[in-house]
Each structure stands twice: as C-alpha cells, then as structure tokens.
Amino acid sequence: MVLLRQLLGDVLRRLRVRQSRTLREVSTLARVSLGYLSEVERGQKEASSELLASICGALGVPLSQVLREVSDQFALAELQHAPVLTGDVPERERLPIAETVPGSLPEDVFPEVNDMVAA
C-alpha cells in the first residue's frame, strides 16, 4: 500500500517543476508557508482540501487533474503491489510516474486503468 500524501506531493512537485516555478513563488500565490508547501511536496504533511485547491490555483491547474494523476499513480502502485512509501525514501527509489512507464500494466487487468495511462 502506498501513501496517498507521497503520491500527491510527487504530482504537485512535478507540475511546479514543469512550469519552472520556485517553491517560494507558488507558496506566495497559494498563501501557504514555503516550509509547509515543501513538506506537502515531500509527502510529509497531509494537505487539506482547501490547501490543495489553493496550491492548484497557484499552479493554474484544476484540482480534478491533480487528483486524476494521483489516482492513476495509486492504481499503478496497487497493481504493482508496491511497498509503503515513507518520506525517507529517496526519489530515485520511488514509484515511477505513469508517463515514464507506458504499457507497464498487464492488458487483462483493469483495462480502464490501461486506457488512462495510455492517454
């Protein structure tokens, strides 16, 4: 079983980095402390729905998109019987993100998840 907060943090960090934005910039726009945002991205803190909405707003990304990506990652982890992730796990040892593992799911297991990953 994986930690939801770890997957959520990974998705938020990846979105921020893709936009070439700093933690400081996003934390200012989201009106959350830089330290807390950093902890959320590292999966060390559980973010409230209000905080998630604020971070997504600062990133200009719908919350539904973030939750969809987290859901896809969670489905992959469940299918791969992944171990529990902790904040102490180095990034290189974390689950791969869906876009880097095309076709990694067995085709006969959860075909709807395959469709989501392929999209």
PDB file of N, CA and C in Angstrom:
ATOM      1  N   MET A   1       0.844  -1.182   0.000  1.00  0.00           N
ATOM      2  CA  MET A   1       0.000   0.000   0.000  1.00  0.00           C
ATOM      3  C   MET A   1       0.889   1.246   0.000  1.00  0.00           C
ATOM      4  N   VAL A   2       0.541   2.208  -0.782  1.00  0.00           N
ATOM      5  CA  VAL A   2       1.322   3.442  -0.870  1.00  0.00           C
ATOM      6  C   VAL A   2       0.671   4.536  -0.045  1.00  0.00           C
ATOM      7  N   LEU A   3       1.445   5.545   0.269  1.00  0.00           N
ATOM      8  CA  LEU A   3       0.916   6.684   0.992  1.00  0.00           C
ATOM      9  C   LEU A   3       0.360   7.696   0.001  1.00  0.00           C
ATOM     10  N   LEU A   4      -0.883   8.027   0.172  1.00  0.00           N
ATOM     11  CA  LEU A   4      -1.544   8.988  -0.697  1.00  0.00           C
ATOM     12  C   LEU A   4      -0.826  10.330  -0.671  1.00  0.00           C
ATOM     13  N   ARG A   5      -0.405  10.758   0.517  1.00  0.00           N
ATOM     14  CA  ARG A   5       0.260  12.072   0.607  1.00  0.00           C
ATOM     15  C   ARG A   5       1.572  12.095  -0.182  1.00  0.00           C
ATOM     16  N   GLN A   6       2.257  10.957  -0.274  1.00  0.00           N
ATOM     17  CA  GLN A   6       3.508  10.898  -1.035  1.00  0.00           C
ATOM     18  C   GLN A   6       3.231  11.059  -2.525  1.00  0.00           C
ATOM     19  N   LEU A   7       2.223  10.349  -3.026  1.00  0.00           N
ATOM     20  CA  LEU A   7       1.870  10.455  -4.441  1.00  0.00           C
ATOM     21  C   LEU A   7       1.378  11.862  -4.771  1.00  0.00           C
ATOM     22  N   LEU A   8       0.584  12.429  -3.900  1.00  0.00           N
ATOM     23  CA  LEU A   8       0.073  13.784  -4.109  1.00  0.00           C
ATOM     24  C   LEU A   8       1.227  14.784  -4.161  1.00  0.00           C
ATOM     25  N   GLY A   9       2.155  14.656  -3.245  1.00  0.00           N
ATOM     26  CA  GLY A   9       3.319  15.546  -3.240  1.00  0.00           C
ATOM     27  C   GLY A   9       4.144  15.423  -4.505  1.00  0.00           C
ATOM     28  N   ASP A  10       4.325  14.175  -4.973  1.00  0.00           N
ATOM     29  CA  ASP A  10       5.082  13.951  -6.208  1.00  0.00           C
ATOM     30  C   ASP A  10       4.423  14.642  -7.398  1.00  0.00           C
ATOM     31  N   VAL A  11       3.104  14.529  -7.490  1.00  0.00           N
ATOM     32  CA  VAL A  11       2.376  15.150  -8.600  1.00  0.00           C
ATOM     33  C   VAL A  11       2.486  16.678  -8.517  1.00  0.00           C
ATOM     34  N   LEU A  12       2.290  17.227  -7.338  1.00  0.00           N
ATOM     35  CA  LEU A  12       2.375  18.688  -7.189  1.00  0.00           C
ATOM     36  C   LEU A  12       3.775  19.198  -7.524  1.00  0.00           C
ATOM     37  N   ARG A  13       4.797  18.510  -7.040  1.00  0.00           N
ATOM     38  CA  ARG A  13       6.170  18.928  -7.334  1.00  0.00           C
ATOM     39  C   ARG A  13       6.443  18.858  -8.825  1.00  0.00           C
ATOM     40  N   ARG A  14       6.027  17.772  -9.461  1.00  0.00           N
ATOM     41  CA  ARG A  14       6.275  17.612 -10.898  1.00  0.00           C
ATOM     42  C   ARG A  14       5.595  18.735 -11.684  1.00  0.00           C
ATOM     43  N   LEU A  15       4.376  19.094 -11.315  1.00  0.00           N
ATOM     44  CA  LEU A  15       3.676  20.186 -12.008  1.00  0.00           C
ATOM     45  C   LEU A  15       4.412  21.513 -11.820  1.00  0.00           C
ATOM     46  N   ARG A  16       4.858  21.774 -10.599  1.00  0.00           N
ATOM     47  CA  ARG A  16       5.572  23.024 -10.323  1.00  0.00           C
ATOM     48  C   ARG A  16       6.886  23.095 -11.106  1.00  0.00           C
ATOM     49  N   VAL A  17       7.626  22.009 -11.106  1.00  0.00           N
ATOM     50  CA  VAL A  17       8.915  21.975 -11.797  1.00  0.00           C
ATOM     51  C   VAL A  17       8.725  22.110 -13.300  1.00  0.00           C
ATOM     52  N   ARG A  18       7.692  21.468 -13.849  1.00  0.00           N
ATOM     53  CA  ARG A  18       7.407  21.602 -15.288  1.00  0.00           C
ATOM     54  C   ARG A  18       7.172  23.054 -15.682  1.00  0.00           C
ATOM     55  N   GLN A  19       6.613  23.816 -14.764  1.00  0.00           N
ATOM     56  CA  GLN A  19       6.339  25.221 -15.032  1.00  0.00           C
ATOM     57  C   GLN A  19       7.550  26.103 -14.710  1.00  0.00           C
ATOM     58  N   SER A  20       8.643  25.501 -14.301  1.00  0.00           N
ATOM     59  CA  SER A  20       9.859  26.226 -13.913  1.00  0.00           C
ATOM     60  C   SER A  20       9.571  27.273 -12.851  1.00  0.00           C
ATOM     61  N   ARG A  21       8.777  26.879 -11.857  1.00  0.00           N
ATOM     62  CA  ARG A  21       8.421  27.798 -10.788  1.00  0.00           C
ATOM     63  C   ARG A  21       9.076  27.354  -9.494  1.00  0.00           C
ATOM     64  N   THR A  22       9.358  28.321  -8.653  1.00  0.00           N
ATOM     65  CA  THR A  22      10.006  28.025  -7.380  1.00  0.00           C
ATOM     66  C   THR A  22       8.964  27.744  -6.304  1.00  0.00           C
ATOM     67  N   LEU A  23       9.406  27.078  -5.248  1.00  0.00           N
ATOM     68  CA  LEU A  23       8.537  26.867  -4.096  1.00  0.00           C
ATOM     69  C   LEU A  23       8.058  28.211  -3.548  1.00  0.00           C
ATOM     70  N   ARG A  24       8.969  29.166  -3.499  1.00  0.00           N
ATOM     71  CA  ARG A  24       8.618  30.487  -2.951  1.00  0.00           C
ATOM     72  C   ARG A  24       7.505  31.139  -3.762  1.00  0.00           C
ATOM     73  N   GLU A  25       7.617  31.091  -5.081  1.00  0.00           N
ATOM     74  CA  GLU A  25       6.600  31.699  -5.938  1.00  0.00           C
ATOM     75  C   GLU A  25       5.232  31.057  -5.723  1.00  0.00           C
ATOM     76  N   VAL A  26       5.197  29.736  -5.730  1.00  0.00           N
ATOM     77  CA  VAL A  26       3.921  29.034  -5.569  1.00  0.00           C
ATOM     78  C   VAL A  26       3.366  29.229  -4.161  1.00  0.00           C
ATOM     79  N   SER A  27       4.240  29.195  -3.167  1.00  0.00           N
ATOM     80  CA  SER A  27       3.752  29.374  -1.789  1.00  0.00           C
ATOM     81  C   SER A  27       3.160  30.766  -1.602  1.00  0.00           C
ATOM     82  N   THR A  28       3.762  31.771  -2.217  1.00  0.00           N
ATOM     83  CA  THR A  28       3.233  33.134  -2.126  1.00  0.00           C
ATOM     84  C   THR A  28       1.864  33.224  -2.790  1.00  0.00           C
ATOM     85  N   LEU A  29       1.756  32.685  -4.007  1.00  0.00           N
ATOM     86  CA  LEU A  29       0.472  32.730  -4.719  1.00  0.00           C
ATOM     87  C   LEU A  29      -0.609  31.913  -4.011  1.00  0.00           C
ATOM     88  N   ALA A  30      -0.214  30.797  -3.406  1.00  0.00           N
ATOM     89  CA  ALA A  30      -1.178  29.925  -2.728  1.00  0.00           C
ATOM     90  C   ALA A  30      -1.473  30.394  -1.307  1.00  0.00           C
ATOM     91  N   ARG A  31      -0.687  31.367  -0.834  1.00  0.00           N
ATOM     92  CA  ARG A  31      -0.830  31.880   0.535  1.00  0.00           C
ATOM     93  C   ARG A  31      -0.641  30.785   1.582  1.00  0.00           C
ATOM     94  N   VAL A  32       0.427  30.038   1.380  1.00  0.00           N
ATOM     95  CA  VAL A  32       0.814  28.990   2.324  1.00  0.00           C
ATOM     96  C   VAL A  32       2.309  29.150   2.576  1.00  0.00           C
ATOM     97  N   SER A  33       2.749  28.805   3.760  1.00  0.00           N
ATOM     98  CA  SER A  33       4.177  28.995   4.047  1.00  0.00           C
ATOM     99  C   SER A  33       5.033  28.111   3.143  1.00  0.00           C
ATOM    100  N   LEU A  34       6.197  28.619   2.831  1.00  0.00           N
ATOM    101  CA  LEU A  34       7.131  27.895   1.972  1.00  0.00           C
ATOM    102  C   LEU A  34       7.481  26.542   2.601  1.00  0.00           C
ATOM    103  N   GLY A  35       7.726  26.524   3.894  1.00  0.00           N
ATOM    104  CA  GLY A  35       8.074  25.281   4.579  1.00  0.00           C
ATOM    105  C   GLY A  35       6.971  24.248   4.516  1.00  0.00           C
ATOM    106  N   TYR A  36       5.731  24.712   4.687  1.00  0.00           N
ATOM    107  CA  TYR A  36       4.610  23.773   4.655  1.00  0.00           C
ATOM    108  C   TYR A  36       4.424  23.209   3.245  1.00  0.00           C
ATOM    109  N   LEU A  37       4.528  24.062   2.240  1.00  0.00           N
ATOM    110  CA  LEU A  37       4.403  23.587   0.860  1.00  0.00           C
ATOM    111  C   LEU A  37       5.502  22.570   0.553  1.00  0.00           C
ATOM    112  N   SER A  38       6.692  22.834   1.033  1.00  0.00           N
ATOM    113  CA  SER A  38       7.790  21.900   0.836  1.00  0.00           C
ATOM    114  C   SER A  38       7.474  20.547   1.479  1.00  0.00           C
ATOM    115  N   GLU A  39       6.919  20.574   2.677  1.00  0.00           N
ATOM    116  CA  GLU A  39       6.561  19.326   3.364  1.00  0.00           C
ATOM    117  C   GLU A  39       5.448  18.581   2.629  1.00  0.00           C
ATOM    118  N   VAL A  40       4.503  19.322   2.073  1.00  0.00           N
ATOM    119  CA  VAL A  40       3.430  18.691   1.288  1.00  0.00           C
ATOM    120  C   VAL A  40       4.033  18.013   0.064  1.00  0.00           C
ATOM    121  N   GLU A  41       4.920  18.705  -0.638  1.00  0.00           N
ATOM    122  CA  GLU A  41       5.548  18.127  -1.832  1.00  0.00           C
ATOM    123  C   GLU A  41       6.390  16.900  -1.507  1.00  0.00           C
ATOM    124  N   ARG A  42       6.981  16.876  -0.329  1.00  0.00           N
ATOM    125  CA  ARG A  42       7.800  15.723   0.067  1.00  0.00           C
ATOM    126  C   ARG A  42       6.969  14.618   0.718  1.00  0.00           C
ATOM    127  N   GLY A  43       5.653  14.831   0.789  1.00  0.00           N
ATOM    128  CA  GLY A  43       4.780  13.809   1.351  1.00  0.00           C
ATOM    129  C   GLY A  43       4.863  13.692   2.853  1.00  0.00           C
ATOM    130  N   GLN A  44       5.332  14.733   3.517  1.00  0.00           N
ATOM    131  CA  GLN A  44       5.457  14.699   4.972  1.00  0.00           C
ATOM    132  C   GLN A  44       4.253  15.281   5.690  1.00  0.00           C
ATOM    133  N   LYS A  45       3.421  16.021   4.978  1.00  0.00           N
ATOM    134  CA  LYS A  45       2.218  16.621   5.568  1.00  0.00           C
ATOM    135  C   LYS A  45       1.005  16.286   4.710  1.00  0.00           C
ATOM    136  N   GLU A  46      -0.113  16.073   5.386  1.00  0.00           N
ATOM    137  CA  GLU A  46      -1.392  15.863   4.701  1.00  0.00           C
ATOM    138  C   GLU A  46      -1.986  17.240   4.410  1.00  0.00           C
ATOM    139  N   ALA A  47      -2.312  17.501   3.169  1.00  0.00           N
ATOM    140  CA  ALA A  47      -2.883  18.795   2.792  1.00  0.00           C
ATOM    141  C   ALA A  47      -4.409  18.728   2.862  1.00  0.00           C
ATOM    142  N   SER A  48      -5.025  19.774   3.412  1.00  0.00           N
ATOM    143  CA  SER A  48      -6.488  19.852   3.434  1.00  0.00           C
ATOM    144  C   SER A  48      -7.000  20.128   2.025  1.00  0.00           C
ATOM    145  N   SER A  49      -8.278  19.921   1.831  1.00  0.00           N
ATOM    146  CA  SER A  49      -8.853  20.190   0.515  1.00  0.00           C
ATOM    147  C   SER A  49      -8.742  21.672   0.161  1.00  0.00           C
ATOM    148  N   GLU A  50      -8.866  22.539   1.161  1.00  0.00           N
ATOM    149  CA  GLU A  50      -8.718  23.974   0.916  1.00  0.00           C
ATOM    150  C   GLU A  50      -7.298  24.316   0.482  1.00  0.00           C
ATOM    151  N   LEU A  51      -6.325  23.713   1.153  1.00  0.00           N
ATOM    152  CA  LEU A  51      -4.934  23.961   0.798  1.00  0.00           C
ATOM    153  C   LEU A  51      -4.630  23.430  -0.594  1.00  0.00           C
ATOM    154  N   LEU A  52      -5.119  22.243  -0.908  1.00  0.00           N
ATOM    155  CA  LEU A  52      -4.910  21.680  -2.250  1.00  0.00           C
ATOM    156  C   LEU A  52      -5.508  22.593  -3.318  1.00  0.00           C
ATOM    157  N   ALA A  53      -6.706  23.084  -3.063  1.00  0.00           N
ATOM    158  CA  ALA A  53      -7.347  23.986  -4.024  1.00  0.00           C
ATOM    159  C   ALA A  53      -6.514  25.252  -4.217  1.00  0.00           C
ATOM    160  N   SER A  54      -5.960  25.760  -3.140  1.00  0.00           N
ATOM    161  CA  SER A  54      -5.138  26.967  -3.222  1.00  0.00           C
ATOM    162  C   SER A  54      -3.843  26.701  -3.996  1.00  0.00           C
ATOM    163  N   ILE A  55      -3.195  25.568  -3.743  1.00  0.00           N
ATOM    164  CA  ILE A  55      -1.961  25.226  -4.458  1.00  0.00           C
ATOM    165  C   ILE A  55      -2.255  25.022  -5.942  1.00  0.00           C
ATOM    166  N   CYS A  56      -3.337  24.322  -6.236  1.00  0.00           N
ATOM    167  CA  CYS A  56      -3.706  24.098  -7.638  1.00  0.00           C
ATOM    168  C   CYS A  56      -4.012  25.423  -8.329  1.00  0.00           C
ATOM    169  N   GLY A  57      -4.688  26.314  -7.619  1.00  0.00           N
ATOM    170  CA  GLY A  57      -4.960  27.632  -8.177  1.00  0.00           C
ATOM    171  C   GLY A  57      -3.680  28.381  -8.491  1.00  0.00           C
ATOM    172  N   ALA A  58      -2.712  28.304  -7.589  1.00  0.00           N
ATOM    173  CA  ALA A  58      -1.426  28.966  -7.806  1.00  0.00           C
ATOM    174  C   ALA A  58      -0.686  28.360  -8.998  1.00  0.00           C
ATOM    175  N   LEU A  59      -0.873  27.062  -9.208  1.00  0.00           N
ATOM    176  CA  LEU A  59      -0.233  26.384 -10.338  1.00  0.00           C
ATOM    177  C   LEU A  59      -1.041  26.523 -11.632  1.00  0.00           C
ATOM    178  N   GLY A  60      -2.271  27.032 -11.518  1.00  0.00           N
ATOM    179  CA  GLY A  60      -3.122  27.167 -12.699  1.00  0.00           C
ATOM    180  C   GLY A  60      -3.586  25.826 -13.248  1.00  0.00           C
ATOM    181  N   VAL A  61      -3.746  24.860 -12.367  1.00  0.00           N
ATOM    182  CA  VAL A  61      -4.138  23.502 -12.761  1.00  0.00           C
ATOM    183  C   VAL A  61      -5.393  23.119 -11.988  1.00  0.00           C
ATOM    184  N   PRO A  62      -6.387  22.559 -12.659  1.00  0.00           N
ATOM    185  CA  PRO A  62      -7.591  22.143 -11.934  1.00  0.00           C
ATOM    186  C   PRO A  62      -7.280  21.051 -10.904  1.00  0.00           C
ATOM    187  N   LEU A  63      -7.903  21.158  -9.745  1.00  0.00           N
ATOM    188  CA  LEU A  63      -7.730  20.143  -8.706  1.00  0.00           C
ATOM    189  C   LEU A  63      -8.094  18.761  -9.238  1.00  0.00           C
ATOM    190  N   SER A  64      -9.104  18.700 -10.103  1.00  0.00           N
ATOM    191  CA  SER A  64      -9.520  17.412 -10.661  1.00  0.00           C
ATOM    192  C   SER A  64      -8.388  16.755 -11.455  1.00  0.00           C
ATOM    193  N   GLN A  65      -7.575  17.548 -12.150  1.00  0.00           N
ATOM    194  CA  GLN A  65      -6.447  16.995 -12.903  1.00  0.00           C
ATOM    195  C   GLN A  65      -5.409  16.411 -11.953  1.00  0.00           C
ATOM    196  N   VAL A  66      -5.114  17.124 -10.882  1.00  0.00           N
ATOM    197  CA  VAL A  66      -4.141  16.639  -9.896  1.00  0.00           C
ATOM    198  C   VAL A  66      -4.648  15.337  -9.281  1.00  0.00           C
ATOM    199  N   LEU A  67      -5.906  15.313  -8.883  1.00  0.00           N
ATOM    200  CA  LEU A  67      -6.466  14.110  -8.268  1.00  0.00           C
ATOM    201  C   LEU A  67      -6.513  12.947  -9.253  1.00  0.00           C
ATOM    202  N   ARG A  68      -6.732  13.237 -10.522  1.00  0.00           N
ATOM    203  CA  ARG A  68      -6.734  12.185 -11.543  1.00  0.00           C
ATOM    204  C   ARG A  68      -5.335  11.578 -11.679  1.00  0.00           C
ATOM    205  N   GLU A  69      -4.315  12.432 -11.710  1.00  0.00           N
ATOM    206  CA  GLU A  69      -2.943  11.929 -11.804  1.00  0.00           C
ATOM    207  C   GLU A  69      -2.575  11.103 -10.575  1.00  0.00           C
ATOM    208  N   VAL A  70      -2.982  11.576  -9.402  1.00  0.00           N
ATOM    209  CA  VAL A  70      -2.714  10.833  -8.170  1.00  0.00           C
ATOM    210  C   VAL A  70      -3.443   9.493  -8.213  1.00  0.00           C
ATOM    211  N   SER A  71      -4.665   9.505  -8.679  1.00  0.00           N
ATOM    212  CA  SER A  71      -5.438   8.268  -8.784  1.00  0.00           C
ATOM    213  C   SER A  71      -4.780   7.277  -9.732  1.00  0.00           C
ATOM    214  N   ASP A  72      -4.284   7.754 -10.857  1.00  0.00           N
ATOM    215  CA  ASP A  72      -3.587   6.881 -11.807  1.00  0.00           C
ATOM    216  C   ASP A  72      -2.353   6.262 -11.162  1.00  0.00           C
ATOM    217  N   GLN A  73      -1.594   7.087 -10.434  1.00  0.00           N
ATOM    218  CA  GLN A  73      -0.398   6.592  -9.763  1.00  0.00           C
ATOM    219  C   GLN A  73      -0.745   5.567  -8.685  1.00  0.00           C
ATOM    220  N   PHE A  74      -1.829   5.839  -7.976  1.00  0.00           N
ATOM    221  CA  PHE A  74      -2.265   4.923  -6.925  1.00  0.00           C
ATOM    222  C   PHE A  74      -2.669   3.581  -7.531  1.00  0.00           C
ATOM    223  N   ALA A  75      -3.385   3.631  -8.656  1.00  0.00           N
ATOM    224  CA  ALA A  75      -3.785   2.397  -9.339  1.00  0.00           C
ATOM    225  C   ALA A  75      -2.566   1.603  -9.788  1.00  0.00           C
ATOM    226  N   LEU A  76      -1.568   2.282 -10.332  1.00  0.00           N
ATOM    227  CA  LEU A  76      -0.332   1.603 -10.735  1.00  0.00           C
ATOM    228  C   LEU A  76       0.340   0.939  -9.539  1.00  0.00           C
ATOM    229  N   ALA A  77       0.414   1.666  -8.443  1.00  0.00           N
ATOM    230  CA  ALA A  77       1.065   1.129  -7.247  1.00  0.00           C
ATOM    231  C   ALA A  77       0.332  -0.102  -6.730  1.00  0.00           C
ATOM    232  N   GLU A  78      -0.984  -0.045  -6.732  1.00  0.00           N
ATOM    233  CA  GLU A  78      -1.757  -1.201  -6.271  1.00  0.00           C
ATOM    234  C   GLU A  78      -1.539  -2.403  -7.178  1.00  0.00           C
ATOM    235  N   LEU A  79      -1.486  -2.163  -8.463  1.00  0.00           N
ATOM    236  CA  LEU A  79      -1.279  -3.266  -9.399  1.00  0.00           C
ATOM    237  C   LEU A  79       0.117  -3.853  -9.281  1.00  0.00           C
ATOM    238  N   GLN A  80       1.063  -3.040  -8.926  1.00  0.00           N
ATOM    239  CA  GLN A  80       2.440  -3.500  -8.803  1.00  0.00           C
ATOM    240  C   GLN A  80       2.754  -3.996  -7.393  1.00  0.00           C
ATOM    241  N   HIS A  81       1.751  -3.959  -6.514  1.00  0.00           N
ATOM    242  CA  HIS A  81       1.928  -4.379  -5.121  1.00  0.00           C
ATOM    243  C   HIS A  81       3.126  -3.676  -4.501  1.00  0.00           C
ATOM    244  N   ALA A  82       3.152  -2.373  -4.674  1.00  0.00           N
ATOM    245  CA  ALA A  82       4.286  -1.576  -4.219  1.00  0.00           C
ATOM    246  C   ALA A  82       4.334  -1.524  -2.696  1.00  0.00           C
ATOM    247  N   PRO A  83       5.532  -1.401  -2.143  1.00  0.00           N
ATOM    248  CA  PRO A  83       5.669  -1.260  -0.688  1.00  0.00           C
ATOM    249  C   PRO A  83       5.205   0.120  -0.254  1.00  0.00           C
ATOM    250  N   VAL A  84       4.977   0.272   1.025  1.00  0.00           N
ATOM    251  CA  VAL A  84       4.585   1.558   1.577  1.00  0.00           C
ATOM    252  C   VAL A  84       5.732   2.539   1.393  1.00  0.00           C
ATOM    253  N   LEU A  85       5.412   3.738   0.918  1.00  0.00           N
ATOM    254  CA  LEU A  85       6.413   4.781   0.752  1.00  0.00           C
ATOM    255  C   LEU A  85       6.471   5.627   2.016  1.00  0.00           C
ATOM    256  N   THR A  86       7.640   6.057   2.384  1.00  0.00           N
ATOM    257  CA  THR A  86       7.786   6.977   3.502  1.00  0.00           C
ATOM    258  C   THR A  86       8.561   8.175   3.026  1.00  0.00           C
ATOM    259  N   GLY A  87       8.541   9.217   3.813  1.00  0.00           N
ATOM    260  CA  GLY A  87       9.269  10.423   3.463  1.00  0.00           C
ATOM    261  C   GLY A  87      10.766  10.198   3.394  1.00  0.00           C
ATOM    262  N   ASP A  88      11.256   9.094   3.950  1.00  0.00           N
ATOM    263  CA  ASP A  88      12.690   8.819   3.949  1.00  0.00           C
ATOM    264  C   ASP A  88      13.163   8.115   2.692  1.00  0.00           C
ATOM    265  N   VAL A  89      12.249   7.762   1.788  1.00  0.00           N
ATOM    266  CA  VAL A  89      12.631   7.043   0.583  1.00  0.00           C
ATOM    267  C   VAL A  89      13.172   8.041  -0.436  1.00  0.00           C
ATOM    268  N   PRO A  90      14.416   7.851  -0.905  1.00  0.00           N
ATOM    269  CA  PRO A  90      14.960   8.768  -1.917  1.00  0.00           C
ATOM    270  C   PRO A  90      14.107   8.751  -3.178  1.00  0.00           C
ATOM    271  N   GLU A  91      14.047   9.873  -3.865  1.00  0.00           N
ATOM    272  CA  GLU A  91      13.199   9.989  -5.051  1.00  0.00           C
ATOM    273  C   GLU A  91      13.513   8.915  -6.091  1.00  0.00           C
ATOM    274  N   ARG A  92      14.794   8.575  -6.252  1.00  0.00           N
ATOM    275  CA  ARG A  92      15.166   7.579  -7.260  1.00  0.00           C
ATOM    276  C   ARG A  92      14.580   6.200  -6.951  1.00  0.00           C
ATOM    277  N   GLU A  93      14.147   5.972  -5.691  1.00  0.00           N
ATOM    278  CA  GLU A  93      13.584   4.682  -5.308  1.00  0.00           C
ATOM    279  C   GLU A  93      12.067   4.702  -5.246  1.00  0.00           C
ATOM    280  N   ARG A  94      11.455   5.853  -5.538  1.00  0.00           N
ATOM    281  CA  ARG A  94      10.002   5.951  -5.502  1.00  0.00           C
ATOM    282  C   ARG A  94       9.400   5.335  -6.751  1.00  0.00           C
ATOM    283  N   LEU A  95       8.107   5.127  -6.717  1.00  0.00           N
ATOM    284  CA  LEU A  95       7.407   4.575  -7.872  1.00  0.00           C
ATOM    285  C   LEU A  95       7.615   5.450  -9.092  1.00  0.00           C
ATOM    286  N   PRO A  96       7.771   4.849 -10.254  1.00  0.00           N
ATOM    287  CA  PRO A  96       7.900   5.653 -11.469  1.00  0.00           C
ATOM    288  C   PRO A  96       6.570   6.338 -11.784  1.00  0.00           C
ATOM    289  N   ILE A  97       6.655   7.504 -12.401  1.00  0.00           N
ATOM    290  CA  ILE A  97       5.428   8.191 -12.777  1.00  0.00           C
ATOM    291  C   ILE A  97       4.853   7.550 -14.037  1.00  0.00           C
ATOM    292  N   ALA A  98       3.559   7.632 -14.186  1.00  0.00           N
ATOM    293  CA  ALA A  98       2.859   6.917 -15.258  1.00  0.00           C
ATOM    294  C   ALA A  98       3.401   7.247 -16.635  1.00  0.00           C
ATOM    295  N   GLU A  99       3.734   8.521 -16.879  1.00  0.00           N
ATOM    296  CA  GLU A  99       4.154   8.876 -18.228  1.00  0.00           C
ATOM    297  C   GLU A  99       5.504   8.269 -18.612  1.00  0.00           C
ATOM    298  N   THR A 100       6.254   7.742 -17.637  1.00  0.00           N
ATOM    299  CA  THR A 100       7.527   7.120 -17.967  1.00  0.00           C
ATOM    300  C   THR A 100       7.433   5.603 -18.025  1.00  0.00           C
ATOM    301  N   VAL A 101       6.236   5.071 -17.814  1.00  0.00           N
ATOM    302  CA  VAL A 101       6.077   3.617 -17.816  1.00  0.00           C
ATOM    303  C   VAL A 101       4.949   3.218 -18.770  1.00  0.00           C
ATOM    304  N   PRO A 102       5.040   3.597 -20.041  1.00  0.00           N
ATOM    305  CA  PRO A 102       3.962   3.233 -20.961  1.00  0.00           C
ATOM    306  C   PRO A 102       3.881   1.722 -21.118  1.00  0.00           C
ATOM    307  N   GLY A 103       2.651   1.226 -21.126  1.00  0.00           N
ATOM    308  CA  GLY A 103       2.423  -0.194 -21.361  1.00  0.00           C
ATOM    309  C   GLY A 103       2.908  -1.090 -20.243  1.00  0.00           C
ATOM    310  N   SER A 104       3.105  -0.538 -19.029  1.00  0.00           N
ATOM    311  CA  SER A 104       3.637  -1.360 -17.952  1.00  0.00           C
ATOM    312  C   SER A 104       2.565  -2.180 -17.250  1.00  0.00           C
ATOM    313  N   LEU A 105       1.308  -1.896 -17.533  1.00  0.00           N
ATOM    314  CA  LEU A 105       0.230  -2.646 -16.895  1.00  0.00           C
ATOM    315  C   LEU A 105      -0.160  -3.853 -17.734  1.00  0.00           C
ATOM    316  N   PRO A 106      -0.460  -4.975 -17.071  1.00  0.00           N
ATOM    317  CA  PRO A 106      -0.956  -6.121 -17.831  1.00  0.00           C
ATOM    318  C   PRO A 106      -2.260  -5.735 -18.517  1.00  0.00           C
ATOM    319  N   GLU A 107      -2.404  -6.109 -19.768  1.00  0.00           N
ATOM    320  CA  GLU A 107      -3.561  -5.663 -20.540  1.00  0.00           C
ATOM    321  C   GLU A 107      -4.874  -6.248 -20.051  1.00  0.00           C
ATOM    322  N   ASP A 108      -4.833  -7.409 -19.405  1.00  0.00           N
ATOM    323  CA  ASP A 108      -6.077  -8.038 -18.978  1.00  0.00           C
ATOM    324  C   ASP A 108      -6.517  -7.604 -17.587  1.00  0.00           C
ATOM    325  N   VAL A 109      -5.724  -6.776 -16.905  1.00  0.00           N
ATOM    326  CA  VAL A 109      -6.066  -6.319 -15.567  1.00  0.00           C
ATOM    327  C   VAL A 109      -6.472  -4.852 -15.638  1.00  0.00           C
ATOM    328  N   PHE A 110      -7.657  -4.540 -15.186  1.00  0.00           N
ATOM    329  CA  PHE A 110      -8.161  -3.181 -15.158  1.00  0.00           C
ATOM    330  C   PHE A 110      -7.942  -2.452 -16.477  1.00  0.00           C
ATOM    331  N   PRO A 111      -8.621  -2.853 -17.537  1.00  0.00           N
ATOM    332  CA  PRO A 111      -8.408  -2.205 -18.831  1.00  0.00           C
ATOM    333  C   PRO A 111      -8.668  -0.704 -18.796  1.00  0.00           C
ATOM    334  N   GLU A 112      -9.556  -0.244 -17.917  1.00  0.00           N
ATOM    335  CA  GLU A 112      -9.811   1.193 -17.844  1.00  0.00           C
ATOM    336  C   GLU A 112      -8.586   1.942 -17.328  1.00  0.00           C
ATOM    337  N   VAL A 113      -7.776   1.312 -16.465  1.00  0.00           N
ATOM    338  CA  VAL A 113      -6.552   1.945 -15.990  1.00  0.00           C
ATOM    339  C   VAL A 113      -5.542   2.008 -17.127  1.00  0.00           C
ATOM    340  N   ASN A 114      -5.457   0.944 -17.921  1.00  0.00           N
ATOM    341  CA  ASN A 114      -4.568   0.964 -19.102  1.00  0.00           C
ATOM    342  C   ASN A 114      -4.929   2.122 -20.010  1.00  0.00           C
ATOM    343  N   ASP A 115      -6.232   2.317 -20.228  1.00  0.00           N
ATOM    344  CA  ASP A 115      -6.676   3.419 -21.084  1.00  0.00           C
ATOM    345  C   ASP A 115      -6.243   4.769 -20.522  1.00  0.00           C
ATOM    346  N   MET A 116      -6.351   4.939 -19.196  1.00  0.00           N
ATOM    347  CA  MET A 116      -5.966   6.196 -18.575  1.00  0.00           C
ATOM    348  C   MET A 116      -4.468   6.410 -18.701  1.00  0.00           C
ATOM    349  N   VAL A 117      -3.675   5.376 -18.466  1.00  0.00           N
ATOM    350  CA  VAL A 117      -2.227   5.504 -18.534  1.00  0.00           C
ATOM    351  C   VAL A 117      -1.785   5.794 -19.960  1.00  0.00           C
ATOM    352  N   ALA A 118      -2.463   5.184 -20.932  1.00  0.00           N
ATOM    353  CA  ALA A 118      -2.096   5.378 -22.335  1.00  0.00           C
ATOM    354  C   ALA A 118      -2.438   6.784 -22.816  1.00  0.00           C
ATOM    355  N   ALA A 119      -3.411   7.431 -22.176  1.00  0.00           N
ATOM    356  CA  ALA A 119      -3.848   8.765 -22.606  1.00  0.00           C
ATOM    357  C   ALA A 119      -2.840   9.838 -22.334  1.00  0.00           C
TER     358      ALA A 119
END
